[in-house]
């Protein structure tokens, strides 16, 4: 009797496991393509930021020694934003689901922050110019750099909002 129980546990019938596998839902090709495209969009945003960020910030006048403080934004946002957004989404009771509102908000925030980063010199210079500030003054240039760094942080935080869910979705599919 003892040997029979051990056989059942070690190499016995896996009928329950096979039955569970028949209920697994398969995803069609279109679903997988759409999922990949959305993930590719986030990767494209990372690529734009990382490839053009340093030359752009240097052209605005940011010193090379302060550049390290800017690029700590990626790891910092990954360590802080993803767990926090995960906690918030677990308690979300939206009709769109738990994750969708955060993914959409992260996508919109990514687009807005990338556009703001691209036009930071014109936006900040124009607003301060309305108050009579000289666009070539040191104060205006410093303000432009501060806003550019803030927009870099916004881009990183917005991207990491969606990246955490990307890992979750991909983990559920495979």
Protein backbone atom coordinates (compact mmCIF):
# COMPACT_ATOMS: atom_id res chain seq x y z
CA UNK A 1 0.00 0.00 0.00
CA UNK A 2 2.81 2.38 0.87
CA UNK A 3 4.59 1.68 -2.43
CA UNK A 4 1.41 2.35 -4.40
CA UNK A 5 0.98 5.76 -2.75
CA UNK A 6 4.60 6.64 -3.47
CA UNK A 7 4.18 5.64 -7.12
CA UNK A 8 1.14 7.85 -7.38
CA UNK A 9 3.04 10.78 -5.94
CA UNK A 10 6.26 10.35 -7.85
CA UNK A 11 5.44 8.90 -11.24
CA UNK A 12 1.75 8.27 -11.05
CA UNK A 13 -1.28 9.51 -12.89
CA UNK A 14 -1.25 13.17 -13.86
CA UNK A 15 -4.90 13.23 -14.93
CA UNK A 16 -5.67 16.35 -12.90
CA UNK A 17 -2.76 18.20 -14.47
CA UNK A 18 -3.80 17.20 -18.00
CA UNK A 19 -7.36 18.28 -17.31
CA UNK A 20 -6.14 21.68 -16.13
CA UNK A 21 -4.09 22.17 -19.31
CA UNK A 22 -7.15 21.67 -21.53
CA UNK A 23 -8.73 24.78 -19.99
CA UNK A 24 -5.78 27.02 -20.83
CA UNK A 25 -6.87 29.76 -23.20
CA UNK A 26 -4.64 30.30 -26.22
CA UNK A 27 -3.99 33.77 -27.58
CA UNK A 28 -4.34 34.44 -31.27
CA UNK A 29 -1.66 36.00 -33.46
CA UNK A 30 -3.34 39.42 -33.68
CA UNK A 31 -3.46 39.69 -29.89
CA UNK A 32 0.23 38.86 -29.63
CA UNK A 33 1.14 41.38 -32.35
CA UNK A 34 -0.83 44.16 -30.63
CA UNK A 35 0.80 43.32 -27.32
CA UNK A 36 4.23 43.44 -28.90
CA UNK A 37 3.53 46.77 -30.60
CA UNK A 38 2.54 48.38 -27.31
CA UNK A 39 5.69 47.10 -25.65
CA UNK A 40 7.71 48.26 -28.65
CA UNK A 41 6.36 51.78 -28.18
CA UNK A 42 7.73 51.92 -24.65
CA UNK A 43 11.07 50.58 -25.84
CA UNK A 44 11.14 53.23 -28.57
CA UNK A 45 10.58 55.94 -25.95
CA UNK A 46 13.50 54.55 -23.92
CA UNK A 47 15.67 54.48 -27.05
CA UNK A 48 14.90 58.10 -27.90
CA UNK A 49 15.61 59.25 -24.38
CA UNK A 50 18.83 57.30 -23.92
CA UNK A 51 20.30 57.99 -27.35
CA UNK A 52 19.49 61.69 -27.56
CA UNK A 53 19.19 62.70 -23.91
CA UNK A 54 22.84 63.35 -23.11
CA UNK A 55 23.66 65.41 -26.23
CA UNK A 56 20.43 67.37 -25.82
CA UNK A 57 21.05 68.18 -22.16
CA UNK A 58 24.65 69.13 -22.92
CA UNK A 59 23.38 71.46 -25.67
CA UNK A 60 21.13 73.13 -23.09
CA UNK A 61 24.18 73.78 -20.93
CA UNK A 62 24.02 71.02 -18.30
CA UNK A 63 27.49 70.14 -17.04
CA UNK A 64 28.90 66.65 -17.53
CA UNK A 65 29.36 66.27 -13.79
CA UNK A 66 25.62 66.72 -13.18
CA UNK A 67 24.70 64.28 -15.95
CA UNK A 68 25.03 61.30 -13.58
CA UNK A 69 22.30 62.76 -11.38
CA UNK A 70 20.03 62.92 -14.39
CA UNK A 71 20.58 59.31 -15.45
CA UNK A 72 19.92 57.94 -11.97
CA UNK A 73 16.27 58.64 -12.83
CA UNK A 74 15.82 55.33 -14.66
CA UNK A 75 16.85 52.98 -11.87
CA UNK A 76 15.27 55.22 -9.26
CA UNK A 77 11.94 55.29 -11.04
CA UNK A 78 12.05 51.52 -11.55
CA UNK A 79 12.63 50.95 -7.86
CA UNK A 80 10.01 53.43 -6.67
CA UNK A 81 7.32 53.77 -9.33
CA UNK A 82 6.64 50.18 -10.36
CA UNK A 83 5.87 48.86 -6.85
CA UNK A 84 3.81 51.92 -5.96
CA UNK A 85 1.74 51.79 -9.14
CA UNK A 86 1.31 48.03 -8.63
CA UNK A 87 -0.12 48.65 -5.16
CA UNK A 88 -2.44 51.34 -6.51
CA UNK A 89 -3.62 49.18 -9.38
CA UNK A 90 -4.38 46.26 -7.06
CA UNK A 91 -6.95 48.47 -5.32
CA UNK A 92 -8.31 50.01 -8.54
CA UNK A 93 -12.02 49.41 -9.21
CA UNK A 94 -12.23 50.96 -12.66
CA UNK A 95 -14.68 49.56 -15.24
CA UNK A 96 -11.66 49.26 -17.58
CA UNK A 97 -9.97 46.82 -15.22
CA UNK A 98 -7.20 47.07 -12.69
CA UNK A 99 -4.24 47.71 -14.98
CA UNK A 100 -5.64 49.48 -18.05
CA UNK A 101 -6.13 52.96 -16.53
CA UNK A 102 -2.54 53.01 -15.31
CA UNK A 103 -1.17 51.78 -18.62
CA UNK A 104 -3.15 54.42 -20.54
CA UNK A 105 -2.11 57.17 -18.10
CA UNK A 106 1.52 56.07 -18.37
CA UNK A 107 1.33 56.14 -22.17
CA UNK A 108 -0.23 59.60 -22.24
CA UNK A 109 2.26 60.90 -19.69
CA UNK A 110 5.12 59.48 -21.77
CA UNK A 111 3.96 61.29 -24.90
CA UNK A 112 3.36 64.58 -23.07
CA UNK A 113 6.68 64.50 -21.24
CA UNK A 114 8.65 63.62 -24.39
CA UNK A 115 7.02 66.50 -26.27
CA UNK A 116 7.61 68.88 -23.36
CA UNK A 117 11.24 67.79 -23.19
CA UNK A 118 11.70 68.41 -26.90
CA UNK A 119 10.27 71.94 -26.61
CA UNK A 120 11.55 72.87 -23.15
CA UNK A 121 13.83 75.68 -24.38
CA UNK A 122 11.04 77.35 -26.33
CA UNK A 123 8.37 76.85 -23.65
CA UNK A 124 10.40 78.06 -20.68
CA UNK A 125 12.09 80.83 -22.65
CA UNK A 126 8.72 82.00 -23.99
CA UNK A 127 7.00 82.02 -20.60
CA UNK A 128 9.88 83.83 -18.92
CA UNK A 129 10.09 86.19 -21.91
CA UNK A 130 6.51 87.25 -21.17
CA UNK A 131 7.80 88.58 -17.86
CA UNK A 132 10.63 90.48 -19.52
CA UNK A 133 13.46 88.00 -18.92
CA UNK A 134 16.29 87.96 -21.46
CA UNK A 135 16.37 84.52 -23.14
CA UNK A 136 20.19 84.58 -23.09
CA UNK A 137 20.49 85.34 -19.37
CA UNK A 138 21.98 82.84 -16.94
CA UNK A 139 18.76 82.59 -14.93
CA UNK A 140 16.70 81.61 -17.96
CA UNK A 141 19.28 79.02 -19.04
CA UNK A 142 19.35 77.53 -15.54
CA UNK A 143 15.55 77.39 -15.45
CA UNK A 144 15.53 75.64 -18.82
CA UNK A 145 18.01 73.04 -17.54
CA UNK A 146 15.96 72.47 -14.37
CA UNK A 147 12.78 71.91 -16.37
CA UNK A 148 14.60 69.65 -18.85
CA UNK A 149 15.85 67.46 -15.98
CA UNK A 150 12.34 67.38 -14.51
CA UNK A 151 10.96 66.27 -17.87
CA UNK A 152 13.62 63.53 -18.08
CA UNK A 153 12.42 62.30 -14.69
CA UNK A 154 8.80 62.53 -15.89
CA UNK A 155 9.64 60.45 -18.96
CA UNK A 156 11.33 57.80 -16.82
CA UNK A 157 8.51 57.68 -14.29
CA UNK A 158 5.86 57.54 -17.03
CA UNK A 159 7.62 54.77 -18.93
CA UNK A 160 8.12 52.75 -15.76
CA UNK A 161 4.39 52.98 -15.08
CA UNK A 162 3.78 50.89 -18.17
CA UNK A 163 6.91 48.75 -17.98
CA UNK A 164 5.88 47.11 -14.73
CA UNK A 165 2.61 45.97 -16.26
CA UNK A 166 4.43 44.78 -19.37
CA UNK A 167 6.36 42.36 -17.20
CA UNK A 168 3.14 41.28 -15.50
CA UNK A 169 1.26 40.71 -18.77
CA UNK A 170 4.14 38.85 -20.38
CA UNK A 171 4.49 36.70 -17.26
CA UNK A 172 0.82 35.78 -17.40
CA UNK A 173 0.99 34.84 -21.07
CA UNK A 174 3.97 32.53 -20.86
